[in-house]
Amino acid sequence: MLDSFLVRAALAGLGVALAAAPLGCFVVWRRMAYFGDATAHASILGVALALSFNMSVFAGVLVVALIMATTVSTLSGRGYAMDTLLGVLAHSAIAFGLVAVSFLEGVRIDLMAYLFGDILAVGRVDLAVIWGGALLVLALVGWRWQQLLTATVSPDLAHASGIDPKREQLILTIALAVVVAVAIKVVGVLLIAALLIIPAAAARPLSQTPERMAAIAAGIGAASAIGGLQLAYAFDTPAGPTIVCVAAAVFALTSLFSLIRD
């Protein structure tokens, strides 16, 4: 079954969608959209370092994404506004990454595949990495779900309950770094944040509880991945951007439904 590139692409899209859904909800609730962008942009630097040291691209991206996430978590609230800090780090990281890629000699690199994804080129090893990362993220978020929710609702309430909000934020940023590392093959650096935010935002008008929102976001993400692949195959369009377009269309429909209902 895995001999078909379309089947591998569909499974890759499903794996990333399921991992991104609960994290996307926390990104929306905490208003961390730019944080996801910053971590994703840093992954280009990870690609350059991985190719320079002849190591796995996944490992290079994961290391740089983790460094970016922990740096932002450590520096936030220490004299810089969060949006300023994220703007500086995000654009600096992608600039350094693109410059570093230009210095690579004897290495053929398809930069467009890293910027916008190449889901149709996913192999068996890529599939194993994507689903391994997705299951790790789902296990981590499931384990800390209640603590993460409490810290998101109110840091003061979290302190009163014996929960350290900084620790929960660090757990969230680690999970986000893993999703960025596994999603780069599917939608690329520039569209990872979209796959995190749009399904969660689309699920919000249809949800009454956090758990329901995460579940609906996962369904929207999965449907966008499969629908986007089918449309890309039918109309010969780039798969990654088409997946995001489908998710955006679902967001428009749920927003319209919310306006009509209210």
C-alpha atoms as a PDB file:
ATOM      1  CA  MET A   1       0.000   0.000   0.000  1.00  0.00           C
ATOM      2  CA  LEU A   2       2.840   2.399   0.849  1.00  0.00           C
ATOM      3  CA  ASP A   3       4.242   1.963  -2.667  1.00  0.00           C
ATOM      4  CA  SER A   4       1.822   4.658  -3.881  1.00  0.00           C
ATOM      5  CA  PHE A   5       3.180   8.177  -3.475  1.00  0.00           C
ATOM      6  CA  LEU A   6      -0.371   9.517  -3.033  1.00  0.00           C
ATOM      7  CA  VAL A   7      -1.034   7.152  -0.120  1.00  0.00           C
ATOM      8  CA  ARG A   8       2.225   8.211   1.551  1.00  0.00           C
ATOM      9  CA  ALA A   9       1.361  11.863   0.966  1.00  0.00           C
ATOM     10  CA  ALA A  10      -2.124  11.402   2.454  1.00  0.00           C
ATOM     11  CA  LEU A  11      -0.730   9.620   5.528  1.00  0.00           C
ATOM     12  CA  ALA A  12       1.889  12.368   5.973  1.00  0.00           C
ATOM     13  CA  GLY A  13      -0.787  15.062   5.773  1.00  0.00           C
ATOM     14  CA  LEU A  14      -2.960  13.226   8.293  1.00  0.00           C
ATOM     15  CA  GLY A  15      -0.055  12.813  10.724  1.00  0.00           C
ATOM     16  CA  VAL A  16       0.845  16.501  10.655  1.00  0.00           C
ATOM     17  CA  ALA A  17      -2.820  17.568  10.878  1.00  0.00           C
ATOM     18  CA  LEU A  18      -3.447  15.428  13.970  1.00  0.00           C
ATOM     19  CA  ALA A  19      -0.311  16.726  15.715  1.00  0.00           C
ATOM     20  CA  ALA A  20      -0.934  20.354  14.785  1.00  0.00           C
ATOM     21  CA  ALA A  21      -4.594  20.448  15.891  1.00  0.00           C
ATOM     22  CA  PRO A  22      -4.244  20.539  19.709  1.00  0.00           C
ATOM     23  CA  LEU A  23      -1.165  22.752  19.505  1.00  0.00           C
ATOM     24  CA  GLY A  24      -2.960  25.105  17.149  1.00  0.00           C
ATOM     25  CA  CYS A  25      -5.735  25.495  19.712  1.00  0.00           C
ATOM     26  CA  PHE A  26      -3.228  26.591  22.355  1.00  0.00           C
ATOM     27  CA  VAL A  27      -1.573  28.933  19.840  1.00  0.00           C
ATOM     28  CA  VAL A  28      -4.972  30.558  19.192  1.00  0.00           C
ATOM     29  CA  TRP A  29      -5.959  30.685  22.881  1.00  0.00           C
ATOM     30  CA  ARG A  30      -2.612  32.178  23.930  1.00  0.00           C
ATOM     31  CA  ARG A  31      -2.415  34.508  20.903  1.00  0.00           C
ATOM     32  CA  MET A  32       0.931  32.992  19.920  1.00  0.00           C
ATOM     33  CA  ALA A  33       0.441  33.009  16.145  1.00  0.00           C
ATOM     34  CA  TYR A  34       3.687  34.902  15.539  1.00  0.00           C
ATOM     35  CA  PHE A  35       5.490  32.470  17.830  1.00  0.00           C
ATOM     36  CA  GLY A  36       4.687  29.604  15.458  1.00  0.00           C
ATOM     37  CA  ASP A  37       5.902  31.702  12.539  1.00  0.00           C
ATOM     38  CA  ALA A  38       9.184  32.514  14.296  1.00  0.00           C
ATOM     39  CA  THR A  39       9.889  28.870  15.117  1.00  0.00           C
ATOM     40  CA  ALA A  40       9.045  27.814  11.555  1.00  0.00           C
ATOM     41  CA  HIS A  41      11.271  30.473   9.972  1.00  0.00           C
ATOM     42  CA  ALA A  42      14.191  29.332  12.109  1.00  0.00           C
ATOM     43  CA  SER A  43      13.977  25.875  10.553  1.00  0.00           C
ATOM     44  CA  ILE A  44      15.651  27.133   7.341  1.00  0.00           C
ATOM     45  CA  LEU A  45      18.774  27.684   9.436  1.00  0.00           C
ATOM     46  CA  GLY A  46      18.345  24.118  10.692  1.00  0.00           C
ATOM     47  CA  VAL A  47      18.238  22.840   7.113  1.00  0.00           C
ATOM     48  CA  ALA A  48      21.474  24.669   6.291  1.00  0.00           C
ATOM     49  CA  LEU A  49      23.246  23.336   9.401  1.00  0.00           C
ATOM     50  CA  ALA A  50      22.026  19.787   8.740  1.00  0.00           C
ATOM     51  CA  LEU A  51      23.357  19.830   5.174  1.00  0.00           C
ATOM     52  CA  SER A  52      26.646  21.430   6.310  1.00  0.00           C
ATOM     53  CA  PHE A  53      27.314  18.713   8.904  1.00  0.00           C
ATOM     54  CA  ASN A  54      25.870  15.871   6.794  1.00  0.00           C
ATOM     55  CA  MET A  55      23.174  15.041   9.319  1.00  0.00           C
ATOM     56  CA  SER A  56      19.426  14.405   9.129  1.00  0.00           C
ATOM     57  CA  VAL A  57      17.415  17.461   8.077  1.00  0.00           C
ATOM     58  CA  PHE A  58      14.797  16.519  10.669  1.00  0.00           C
ATOM     59  CA  ALA A  59      17.435  16.545  13.420  1.00  0.00           C
ATOM     60  CA  GLY A  60      18.877  19.894  12.289  1.00  0.00           C
ATOM     61  CA  VAL A  61      15.471  21.544  12.083  1.00  0.00           C
ATOM     62  CA  LEU A  62      14.424  20.112  15.452  1.00  0.00           C
ATOM     63  CA  VAL A  63      17.560  21.389  17.209  1.00  0.00           C
ATOM     64  CA  VAL A  64      17.249  24.918  15.789  1.00  0.00           C
ATOM     65  CA  ALA A  65      13.489  25.041  16.423  1.00  0.00           C
ATOM     66  CA  LEU A  66      14.051  23.964  20.034  1.00  0.00           C
ATOM     67  CA  ILE A  67      16.752  26.616  20.488  1.00  0.00           C
ATOM     68  CA  MET A  68      14.447  29.267  19.011  1.00  0.00           C
ATOM     69  CA  ALA A  69      11.496  28.195  21.168  1.00  0.00           C
ATOM     70  CA  THR A  70      13.474  28.105  24.411  1.00  0.00           C
ATOM     71  CA  THR A  71      15.190  31.421  23.598  1.00  0.00           C
ATOM     72  CA  VAL A  72      11.849  33.154  23.095  1.00  0.00           C
ATOM     73  CA  SER A  73      10.427  31.598  26.268  1.00  0.00           C
ATOM     74  CA  THR A  74      13.485  32.669  28.268  1.00  0.00           C
ATOM     75  CA  LEU A  75      13.708  36.242  26.950  1.00  0.00           C
ATOM     76  CA  SER A  76       9.984  37.053  26.989  1.00  0.00           C
ATOM     77  CA  GLY A  77       9.053  39.549  29.659  1.00  0.00           C
ATOM     78  CA  ARG A  78      12.662  40.712  30.155  1.00  0.00           C
ATOM     79  CA  GLY A  79      12.591  44.176  28.650  1.00  0.00           C
ATOM     80  CA  TYR A  80      11.251  43.384  25.171  1.00  0.00           C
ATOM     81  CA  ALA A  81       7.664  43.184  23.991  1.00  0.00           C
ATOM     82  CA  MET A  82       6.844  39.688  22.721  1.00  0.00           C
ATOM     83  CA  ASP A  83       5.963  40.832  19.194  1.00  0.00           C
ATOM     84  CA  THR A  84       9.243  42.792  18.929  1.00  0.00           C
ATOM     85  CA  LEU A  85      11.281  39.826  20.145  1.00  0.00           C
ATOM     86  CA  LEU A  86       9.543  37.412  17.767  1.00  0.00           C
ATOM     87  CA  GLY A  87       9.943  39.799  14.839  1.00  0.00           C
ATOM     88  CA  VAL A  88      13.684  40.166  15.410  1.00  0.00           C
ATOM     89  CA  LEU A  89      14.317  36.442  15.935  1.00  0.00           C
ATOM     90  CA  ALA A  90      12.027  35.201  13.133  1.00  0.00           C
ATOM     91  CA  HIS A  91      13.419  37.379  10.384  1.00  0.00           C
ATOM     92  CA  SER A  92      17.009  37.113  11.611  1.00  0.00           C
ATOM     93  CA  ALA A  93      16.777  33.310  11.639  1.00  0.00           C
ATOM     94  CA  ILE A  94      15.376  33.017   8.108  1.00  0.00           C
ATOM     95  CA  ALA A  95      17.925  35.563   6.822  1.00  0.00           C
ATOM     96  CA  PHE A  96      20.864  33.721   8.407  1.00  0.00           C
ATOM     97  CA  GLY A  97      19.441  30.451   7.112  1.00  0.00           C
ATOM     98  CA  LEU A  98      19.169  31.671   3.510  1.00  0.00           C
ATOM     99  CA  VAL A  99      22.686  33.139   3.662  1.00  0.00           C
ATOM    100  CA  ALA A 100      24.039  29.885   5.129  1.00  0.00           C
ATOM    101  CA  VAL A 101      22.378  27.881   2.332  1.00  0.00           C
ATOM    102  CA  SER A 102      24.149  30.062  -0.269  1.00  0.00           C
ATOM    103  CA  PHE A 103      27.525  29.033   1.187  1.00  0.00           C
ATOM    104  CA  LEU A 104      26.891  25.315   0.737  1.00  0.00           C
ATOM    105  CA  GLU A 105      29.163  23.920  -1.951  1.00  0.00           C
ATOM    106  CA  GLY A 106      28.678  20.641  -3.731  1.00  0.00           C
ATOM    107  CA  VAL A 107      25.139  20.289  -2.357  1.00  0.00           C
ATOM    108  CA  ARG A 108      22.106  20.538  -4.604  1.00  0.00           C
ATOM    109  CA  ILE A 109      19.232  21.971  -2.587  1.00  0.00           C
ATOM    110  CA  ASP A 110      15.684  22.629  -3.721  1.00  0.00           C
ATOM    111  CA  LEU A 111      14.911  25.660  -1.590  1.00  0.00           C
ATOM    112  CA  MET A 112      11.314  25.823  -2.823  1.00  0.00           C
ATOM    113  CA  ALA A 113      10.677  22.343  -1.404  1.00  0.00           C
ATOM    114  CA  TYR A 114      11.718  23.560   2.057  1.00  0.00           C
ATOM    115  CA  LEU A 115       9.844  26.855   1.778  1.00  0.00           C
ATOM    116  CA  PHE A 116       6.551  25.417   0.483  1.00  0.00           C
ATOM    117  CA  GLY A 117       6.867  21.692   1.180  1.00  0.00           C
ATOM    118  CA  ASP A 118       7.097  18.653  -1.072  1.00  0.00           C
ATOM    119  CA  ILE A 119       4.515  16.272   0.335  1.00  0.00           C
ATOM    120  CA  LEU A 120       4.420  14.170  -2.846  1.00  0.00           C
ATOM    121  CA  ALA A 121       8.090  13.244  -2.301  1.00  0.00           C
ATOM    122  CA  VAL A 122       7.514  11.803   1.183  1.00  0.00           C
ATOM    123  CA  GLY A 123       9.199   8.415   1.557  1.00  0.00           C
ATOM    124  CA  ARG A 124       8.757   5.581   4.044  1.00  0.00           C
ATOM    125  CA  VAL A 125      11.431   6.955   6.375  1.00  0.00           C
ATOM    126  CA  ASP A 126       9.852  10.427   6.227  1.00  0.00           C
ATOM    127  CA  LEU A 127       6.498   8.858   7.035  1.00  0.00           C
ATOM    128  CA  ALA A 128       7.937   7.063  10.054  1.00  0.00           C
ATOM    129  CA  VAL A 129       9.514  10.320  11.300  1.00  0.00           C
ATOM    130  CA  ILE A 130       6.280  12.292  10.786  1.00  0.00           C
ATOM    131  CA  TRP A 131       4.086   9.789  12.613  1.00  0.00           C
ATOM    132  CA  GLY A 132       6.698   9.245  15.332  1.00  0.00           C
ATOM    133  CA  GLY A 133       6.810  12.997  15.948  1.00  0.00           C
ATOM    134  CA  ALA A 134       3.014  13.289  15.773  1.00  0.00           C
ATOM    135  CA  LEU A 135       2.486  10.514  18.334  1.00  0.00           C
ATOM    136  CA  LEU A 136       5.122  12.072  20.610  1.00  0.00           C
ATOM    137  CA  VAL A 137       3.372  15.454  20.465  1.00  0.00           C
ATOM    138  CA  LEU A 138      -0.070  13.941  21.050  1.00  0.00           C
ATOM    139  CA  ALA A 139       1.244  11.950  24.032  1.00  0.00           C
ATOM    140  CA  LEU A 140       2.962  15.024  25.502  1.00  0.00           C
ATOM    141  CA  VAL A 141      -0.071  17.293  25.085  1.00  0.00           C
ATOM    142  CA  GLY A 142      -2.446  14.594  26.338  1.00  0.00           C
ATOM    143  CA  TRP A 143      -0.280  14.058  29.429  1.00  0.00           C
ATOM    144  CA  ARG A 144      -0.185  17.786  30.274  1.00  0.00           C
ATOM    145  CA  TRP A 145      -3.597  18.779  28.855  1.00  0.00           C
ATOM    146  CA  GLN A 146      -5.240  19.903  32.093  1.00  0.00           C
ATOM    147  CA  GLN A 147      -2.134  21.727  33.328  1.00  0.00           C
ATOM    148  CA  LEU A 148      -1.693  23.469  29.977  1.00  0.00           C
ATOM    149  CA  LEU A 149      -5.342  24.524  29.985  1.00  0.00           C
ATOM    150  CA  THR A 150      -5.115  25.905  33.514  1.00  0.00           C
ATOM    151  CA  ALA A 151      -1.933  27.856  32.734  1.00  0.00           C
ATOM    152  CA  THR A 152      -3.570  29.205  29.562  1.00  0.00           C
ATOM    153  CA  VAL A 153      -6.754  30.351  31.315  1.00  0.00           C
ATOM    154  CA  SER A 154      -4.996  32.053  34.226  1.00  0.00           C
ATOM    155  CA  PRO A 155      -1.340  31.975  35.345  1.00  0.00           C
ATOM    156  CA  ASP A 156      -2.478  33.048  38.829  1.00  0.00           C
ATOM    157  CA  LEU A 157      -4.897  30.123  39.026  1.00  0.00           C
ATOM    158  CA  ALA A 158      -2.113  27.829  37.847  1.00  0.00           C
ATOM    159  CA  HIS A 159       0.197  29.071  40.618  1.00  0.00           C
ATOM    160  CA  ALA A 160      -2.575  28.538  43.181  1.00  0.00           C
ATOM    161  CA  SER A 161      -3.020  24.974  41.895  1.00  0.00           C
ATOM    162  CA  GLY A 162       0.699  24.234  42.206  1.00  0.00           C
ATOM    163  CA  ILE A 163       1.332  24.470  38.455  1.00  0.00           C
ATOM    164  CA  ASP A 164       4.312  26.390  37.080  1.00  0.00           C
ATOM    165  CA  PRO A 165       3.099  28.381  34.018  1.00  0.00           C
ATOM    166  CA  LYS A 166       6.684  28.782  32.745  1.00  0.00           C
ATOM    167  CA  ARG A 167       7.172  25.022  32.758  1.00  0.00           C
ATOM    168  CA  GLU A 168       3.910  24.506  30.857  1.00  0.00           C
ATOM    169  CA  GLN A 169       4.944  27.124  28.307  1.00  0.00           C
ATOM    170  CA  LEU A 170       8.261  25.317  27.846  1.00  0.00           C
ATOM    171  CA  ILE A 171       6.430  22.010  27.270  1.00  0.00           C
ATOM    172  CA  LEU A 172       4.223  23.745  24.710  1.00  0.00           C
ATOM    173  CA  THR A 173       7.213  25.244  22.896  1.00  0.00           C
ATOM    174  CA  ILE A 174       8.986  21.857  22.782  1.00  0.00           C
ATOM    175  CA  ALA A 175       5.886  20.260  21.245  1.00  0.00           C
ATOM    176  CA  LEU A 176       5.669  23.145  18.778  1.00  0.00           C
ATOM    177  CA  ALA A 177       9.300  22.632  17.758  1.00  0.00           C
ATOM    178  CA  VAL A 178       8.630  18.936  17.076  1.00  0.00           C
ATOM    179  CA  VAL A 179       5.601  19.771  14.902  1.00  0.00           C
ATOM    180  CA  VAL A 180       7.642  22.304  12.927  1.00  0.00           C
ATOM    181  CA  ALA A 181      10.362  19.709  12.349  1.00  0.00           C
ATOM    182  CA  VAL A 182       7.946  17.052  11.057  1.00  0.00           C
ATOM    183  CA  ALA A 183       5.769  19.469   9.049  1.00  0.00           C
ATOM    184  CA  ILE A 184       8.529  21.045   6.966  1.00  0.00           C
ATOM    185  CA  LYS A 185       8.293  18.213   4.422  1.00  0.00           C
ATOM    186  CA  VAL A 186       4.510  18.551   4.155  1.00  0.00           C
ATOM    187  CA  VAL A 187       3.751  22.280   3.866  1.00  0.00           C
ATOM    188  CA  GLY A 188       7.172  23.918   4.130  1.00  0.00           C
ATOM    189  CA  VAL A 189       8.575  26.660   6.326  1.00  0.00           C
ATOM    190  CA  LEU A 190       6.317  29.481   5.148  1.00  0.00           C
ATOM    191  CA  LEU A 191       3.032  27.610   5.622  1.00  0.00           C
ATOM    192  CA  ILE A 192       3.576  25.647   8.853  1.00  0.00           C
ATOM    193  CA  ALA A 193       2.031  28.409  10.958  1.00  0.00           C
ATOM    194  CA  ALA A 194      -1.036  28.369   8.681  1.00  0.00           C
ATOM    195  CA  LEU A 195      -1.560  24.648   9.309  1.00  0.00           C
ATOM    196  CA  LEU A 196      -1.342  25.326  13.045  1.00  0.00           C
ATOM    197  CA  ILE A 197      -3.649  28.338  13.191  1.00  0.00           C
ATOM    198  CA  ILE A 198      -6.305  28.011  10.465  1.00  0.00           C
ATOM    199  CA  PRO A 199      -7.911  24.651  11.484  1.00  0.00           C
ATOM    200  CA  ALA A 200      -8.026  25.761  15.135  1.00  0.00           C
ATOM    201  CA  ALA A 201      -9.515  29.140  14.195  1.00  0.00           C
ATOM    202  CA  ALA A 202     -12.059  27.425  11.931  1.00  0.00           C
ATOM    203  CA  ALA A 203     -13.067  25.057  14.755  1.00  0.00           C
ATOM    204  CA  ARG A 204     -13.616  27.829  17.300  1.00  0.00           C
ATOM    205  CA  PRO A 205     -17.153  28.895  16.216  1.00  0.00           C
ATOM    206  CA  LEU A 206     -18.288  25.249  16.285  1.00  0.00           C
ATOM    207  CA  SER A 207     -16.984  24.417  19.762  1.00  0.00           C
ATOM    208  CA  GLN A 208     -18.288  24.723  23.285  1.00  0.00           C
ATOM    209  CA  THR A 209     -15.391  23.047  25.106  1.00  0.00           C
ATOM    210  CA  PRO A 210     -11.584  23.007  24.623  1.00  0.00           C
ATOM    211  CA  GLU A 211     -11.602  19.271  23.935  1.00  0.00           C
ATOM    212  CA  ARG A 212     -14.297  19.636  21.289  1.00  0.00           C
ATOM    213  CA  MET A 213     -12.343  22.445  19.632  1.00  0.00           C
ATOM    214  CA  ALA A 214      -9.192  20.308  19.465  1.00  0.00           C
ATOM    215  CA  ALA A 215     -11.141  17.372  18.008  1.00  0.00           C
ATOM    216  CA  ILE A 216     -12.895  19.520  15.377  1.00  0.00           C
ATOM    217  CA  ALA A 217      -9.590  21.206  14.501  1.00  0.00           C
ATOM    218  CA  ALA A 218      -8.056  17.761  13.934  1.00  0.00           C
ATOM    219  CA  GLY A 219     -10.967  16.831  11.655  1.00  0.00           C
ATOM    220  CA  ILE A 220     -10.671  20.077   9.685  1.00  0.00           C
ATOM    221  CA  GLY A 221      -6.904  19.645   9.370  1.00  0.00           C
ATOM    222  CA  ALA A 222      -7.269  16.051   8.174  1.00  0.00           C
ATOM    223  CA  ALA A 223     -10.019  16.965   5.691  1.00  0.00           C
ATOM    224  CA  SER A 224      -7.917  19.874   4.393  1.00  0.00           C
ATOM    225  CA  ALA A 225      -4.920  17.582   3.876  1.00  0.00           C
ATOM    226  CA  ILE A 226      -6.912  14.974   1.932  1.00  0.00           C
ATOM    227  CA  GLY A 227      -9.004  17.531   0.030  1.00  0.00           C
ATOM    228  CA  GLY A 228      -5.964  19.644  -0.793  1.00  0.00           C
ATOM    229  CA  LEU A 229      -4.097  16.635  -2.150  1.00  0.00           C
ATOM    230  CA  GLN A 230      -7.049  15.662  -4.344  1.00  0.00           C
ATOM    231  CA  LEU A 231      -7.368  19.186  -5.738  1.00  0.00           C
ATOM    232  CA  ALA A 232      -3.607  19.480  -6.277  1.00  0.00           C
ATOM    233  CA  TYR A 233      -3.622  16.175  -8.186  1.00  0.00           C
ATOM    234  CA  ALA A 234      -6.669  17.188 -10.252  1.00  0.00           C
ATOM    235  CA  PHE A 235      -5.547  20.721 -11.145  1.00  0.00           C
ATOM    236  CA  ASP A 236      -1.755  20.240 -11.045  1.00  0.00           C
ATOM    237  CA  THR A 237      -1.218  22.864  -8.312  1.00  0.00           C
ATOM    238  CA  PRO A 238       1.401  22.877  -5.498  1.00  0.00           C
ATOM    239  CA  ALA A 239       0.184  20.447  -2.837  1.00  0.00           C
ATOM    240  CA  GLY A 240       1.239  22.355   0.301  1.00  0.00           C
ATOM    241  CA  PRO A 241      -0.345  25.704  -0.629  1.00  0.00           C
ATOM    242  CA  THR A 242      -3.469  23.906  -1.907  1.00  0.00           C
ATOM    243  CA  ILE A 243      -3.911  22.199   1.478  1.00  0.00           C
ATOM    244  CA  VAL A 244      -3.736  25.594   3.184  1.00  0.00           C
ATOM    245  CA  CYS A 245      -6.223  27.051   0.664  1.00  0.00           C
ATOM    246  CA  VAL A 246      -8.734  24.329   1.531  1.00  0.00           C
ATOM    247  CA  ALA A 247      -8.266  25.019   5.239  1.00  0.00           C
ATOM    248  CA  ALA A 248      -8.770  28.745   4.585  1.00  0.00           C
ATOM    249  CA  ALA A 249     -11.994  27.998   2.692  1.00  0.00           C
ATOM    250  CA  VAL A 250     -13.276  25.972   5.662  1.00  0.00           C
ATOM    251  CA  PHE A 251     -12.378  28.882   7.957  1.00  0.00           C
ATOM    252  CA  ALA A 252     -14.400  31.243   5.750  1.00  0.00           C
ATOM    253  CA  LEU A 253     -17.396  28.884   5.883  1.00  0.00           C
ATOM    254  CA  THR A 254     -17.315  28.474   9.678  1.00  0.00           C
ATOM    255  CA  SER A 255     -16.902  32.236  10.120  1.00  0.00           C
ATOM    256  CA  LEU A 256     -19.932  32.810   7.876  1.00  0.00           C
ATOM    257  CA  PHE A 257     -21.886  30.208   9.854  1.00  0.00           C
ATOM    258  CA  SER A 258     -20.970  32.003  13.082  1.00  0.00           C
ATOM    259  CA  LEU A 259     -22.157  35.361  11.687  1.00  0.00           C
ATOM    260  CA  ILE A 260     -25.464  33.883  10.491  1.00  0.00           C
ATOM    261  CA  ARG A 261     -26.043  32.081  13.796  1.00  0.00           C
ATOM    262  CA  ASP A 262     -25.397  35.220  15.853  1.00  0.00           C
END
